Protein backbone atom coordinates (compact mmCIF):
# COMPACT_ATOMS: atom_id res chain seq x y z
CA MET A 1 0.00 0.00 0.00
CA THR A 2 1.20 3.49 -0.78
CA PRO A 3 0.26 6.80 0.86
CA ASP A 4 -2.08 7.50 -2.06
CA THR A 5 -4.16 4.44 -1.07
CA ARG A 6 -6.70 6.11 1.21
CA CYS A 7 -10.27 5.79 2.32
CA ALA A 8 -12.35 7.10 -0.58
CA TRP A 9 -14.29 9.62 1.54
CA CYS A 10 -11.37 12.04 1.84
CA GLY A 11 -11.04 12.64 -1.90
CA THR A 12 -8.16 14.87 -3.01
CA ASP A 13 -8.78 18.13 -1.12
CA PRO A 14 -5.43 18.80 0.64
CA LEU A 15 -7.13 19.77 3.92
CA TYR A 16 -9.24 16.60 3.90
CA VAL A 17 -6.26 14.41 2.95
CA ALA A 18 -4.16 15.87 5.78
CA TYR A 19 -7.02 15.33 8.23
CA HIS A 20 -7.41 11.72 7.05
CA ASP A 21 -3.67 11.02 7.20
CA THR A 22 -2.87 12.62 10.56
CA GLU A 23 -6.02 12.85 12.71
CA TRP A 24 -8.97 10.71 11.67
CA GLY A 25 -8.97 7.43 13.55
CA VAL A 26 -6.08 8.29 15.86
CA PRO A 27 -7.08 7.39 19.44
CA GLU A 28 -7.73 10.55 21.47
CA ARG A 29 -7.72 10.31 25.27
CA ASP A 30 -7.71 13.99 26.24
CA GLY A 31 -11.10 14.93 27.70
CA ARG A 32 -11.00 18.52 26.44
CA ALA A 33 -10.09 17.42 22.92
CA LEU A 34 -12.91 14.85 23.01
CA TYR A 35 -15.37 17.59 24.04
CA GLU A 36 -14.18 19.79 21.15
CA LYS A 37 -14.58 17.02 18.58
CA LEU A 38 -18.00 16.01 19.90
CA MET A 39 -19.19 19.62 19.70
CA LEU A 40 -17.80 20.05 16.18
CA ASP A 41 -19.56 16.87 15.10
CA GLY A 42 -22.77 18.34 16.52
CA PHE A 43 -22.23 21.51 14.50
CA GLN A 44 -21.76 19.33 11.43
CA ALA A 45 -25.31 17.93 11.65
CA GLY A 46 -26.88 18.57 8.25
CA LEU A 47 -23.59 19.74 6.72
CA ALA A 48 -20.48 18.16 5.20
CA TRP A 49 -17.53 17.58 7.54
CA ILE A 50 -15.25 19.54 5.18
CA THR A 51 -17.37 22.63 5.95
CA ILE A 52 -16.60 22.28 9.65
CA LEU A 53 -12.97 21.39 9.01
CA ARG A 54 -12.52 24.60 6.99
CA LYS A 55 -14.06 26.61 9.85
CA ARG A 56 -12.36 24.71 12.70
CA GLU A 57 -9.88 27.45 13.60
CA ASN A 58 -12.71 30.00 13.62
CA PHE A 59 -14.67 27.71 15.94
CA ARG A 60 -11.66 27.37 18.25
CA ARG A 61 -11.34 31.15 18.43
CA ALA A 62 -15.07 31.74 18.93
CA PHE A 63 -15.38 28.97 21.54
CA GLU A 64 -12.32 30.00 23.57
CA GLY A 65 -10.29 26.95 22.63
CA PHE A 66 -13.20 24.68 23.55
CA GLU A 67 -12.34 24.96 27.23
CA PRO A 68 -15.45 23.50 28.88
CA ALA A 69 -14.93 25.45 32.13
CA ARG A 70 -15.16 28.72 30.19
CA ILE A 71 -18.04 27.74 27.92
CA ALA A 72 -20.07 26.38 30.85
CA ARG A 73 -20.22 29.96 32.21
CA TRP A 74 -21.50 31.49 28.98
CA GLY A 75 -24.77 33.37 28.78
CA GLU A 76 -26.80 35.27 26.23
CA ALA A 77 -23.99 37.75 25.43
CA GLU A 78 -21.70 34.93 24.25
CA VAL A 79 -24.52 33.28 22.31
CA ALA A 80 -25.21 36.60 20.56
CA ARG A 81 -21.50 37.05 19.80
CA CYS A 82 -21.37 33.61 18.18
CA LEU A 83 -24.58 34.22 16.23
CA ALA A 84 -22.91 37.30 14.73
CA ASP A 85 -19.67 35.47 13.81
CA PRO A 86 -19.62 34.66 10.06
CA GLY A 87 -16.61 32.36 10.57
CA ILE A 88 -18.64 29.63 12.26
CA VAL A 89 -21.97 27.86 11.79
CA ARG A 90 -24.44 30.33 13.30
CA HIS A 91 -27.15 28.12 14.72
CA ARG A 92 -28.60 29.11 18.10
CA GLY A 93 -29.58 25.56 19.02
CA LYS A 94 -26.10 24.21 18.32
CA ILE A 95 -24.39 27.06 20.18
CA GLU A 96 -26.64 26.54 23.19
CA ALA A 97 -26.02 22.79 22.94
CA ALA A 98 -22.27 23.45 23.21
CA ILE A 99 -22.91 25.40 26.43
CA ASP A 100 -25.11 22.63 27.83
CA GLY A 101 -22.47 20.12 26.74
CA ALA A 102 -19.76 22.03 28.61
CA ARG A 103 -21.85 21.90 31.77
CA ALA A 104 -22.44 18.18 31.30
CA TRP A 105 -18.73 17.70 30.59
CA GLU A 106 -17.88 19.33 33.92
CA ARG A 107 -20.20 16.98 35.82
CA ILE A 108 -18.84 13.89 34.08
CA GLU A 109 -15.23 15.05 34.39
CA ALA A 110 -15.63 15.55 38.16
CA ARG A 111 -17.39 12.21 38.58
CA GLU A 112 -15.23 9.86 36.51
CA GLY A 113 -13.37 11.71 33.80
CA PHE A 114 -14.92 12.48 30.44
CA SER A 115 -12.40 10.37 28.53
CA ASP A 116 -12.99 7.31 30.74
CA PHE A 117 -16.76 7.82 30.44
CA LEU A 118 -16.60 7.74 26.63
CA TRP A 119 -13.96 5.05 26.21
CA ALA A 120 -15.95 2.69 28.44
CA PHE A 121 -18.31 2.17 25.48
CA THR A 122 -15.51 0.38 23.59
CA GLY A 123 -14.06 -1.41 26.61
CA GLY A 124 -11.26 1.16 26.81
CA ALA A 125 -9.62 0.19 23.51
CA PRO A 126 -10.25 0.97 19.83
CA LEU A 127 -12.60 -1.42 18.06
CA GLN A 128 -10.91 -3.05 15.04
CA PRO A 129 -13.58 -4.15 12.54
CA ALA A 130 -11.27 -4.51 9.46
CA ARG A 131 -13.75 -3.43 6.78
CA ALA A 132 -13.01 -4.31 3.15
CA ASP A 133 -14.55 -1.19 1.64
CA MET A 134 -16.65 1.85 2.51
CA SER A 135 -19.91 0.04 1.76
CA ALA A 136 -19.21 -2.15 4.82
CA VAL A 137 -18.95 0.85 7.16
CA PRO A 138 -22.18 1.36 9.12
CA THR A 139 -23.68 4.73 10.03
CA GLU A 140 -24.32 3.63 13.61
CA THR A 141 -23.58 0.65 15.85
CA PRO A 142 -24.81 -0.74 19.18
CA GLU A 143 -21.91 1.13 20.83
CA SER A 144 -22.83 4.46 19.22
CA ARG A 145 -26.49 3.98 20.17
CA ALA A 146 -25.51 3.27 23.79
CA MET A 147 -23.11 6.24 23.91
CA SER A 148 -25.73 8.52 22.34
CA LYS A 149 -28.32 7.50 24.92
CA ALA A 150 -25.88 8.04 27.79
CA LEU A 151 -24.74 11.45 26.47
CA LYS A 152 -28.35 12.59 26.08
CA ALA A 153 -29.09 11.43 29.64
CA GLU A 154 -26.19 13.61 30.82
CA GLY A 155 -27.58 16.69 29.04
CA PHE A 156 -25.80 16.68 25.68
CA ARG A 157 -27.69 17.54 22.49
CA PHE A 158 -26.93 16.93 18.79
CA VAL A 159 -25.51 13.55 19.80
CA GLY A 160 -27.68 11.08 17.92
CA PRO A 161 -26.23 7.64 17.17
CA THR A 162 -25.06 8.61 13.66
CA ILE A 163 -23.25 11.74 14.88
CA VAL A 164 -21.79 9.74 17.75
CA TYR A 165 -20.56 7.02 15.38
CA ALA A 166 -18.81 9.62 13.21
CA PHE A 167 -17.26 10.99 16.41
CA MET A 168 -16.13 7.50 17.46
CA GLN A 169 -14.47 7.00 14.07
CA ALA A 170 -12.76 10.38 14.17
CA VAL A 171 -11.32 9.99 17.68
CA GLY A 172 -10.09 6.45 17.11
CA MET A 173 -12.62 4.56 19.22
CA VAL A 174 -13.19 2.49 16.08
CA ASN A 175 -10.65 1.96 13.31
CA ASP A 176 -12.81 2.41 10.24
CA HIS A 177 -9.97 3.01 7.83
CA VAL A 178 -10.65 0.34 5.23
CA VAL A 179 -8.07 -2.44 5.14
CA THR A 180 -6.63 -1.19 1.83
CA CYS A 181 -5.97 2.28 3.32
CA HIS A 182 -2.37 3.01 4.26
CA ARG A 183 -3.53 4.17 7.74
CA HIS A 184 -5.43 1.00 8.67
CA ALA A 185 -2.46 -1.16 9.68
CA ASP A 186 -0.77 1.62 11.68
CA LEU A 187 -3.92 2.16 13.74
CA ALA A 188 -4.60 -1.56 14.13
CA ARG A 189 -1.43 -1.99 16.20
């Protein structure tokens, strides 16, 4: 396999290729980084991931580096500021969901650690399904349905099982690089 043998979804856009080759599917254990990715996946609902990826730095600026302790204290002034920011997805429900998610993150972090809470759904290790091609990749799994239900019970929104499965793929909880992709074997170790 050569570096040009990739999962078909990333196409040839240099930003998407770099994301595929360096981030997607790499196990993430940092609770703050997991919160950021979960929120960005929520903002993606109804949009293409490349849209969010192109705006990611704007989101990081607007959301104060996705520091949950800061966002949890936000009120209407910060919501209004975000609604006026053309560099991000301006959707009141999603912005307010990020605030609610930060508050839920704080509760979970204090109780057991956000990373441990999420990784428990895969038994603490990345799932390794070894899919032959993209048609074998599901849009949701029993694990994503269980995680979605638990996140909703904690107060998160925009965390349906399909969004959660995309999140699980992105943060390496499941290695869904197809077996012909040059990244599959590295992440299967």
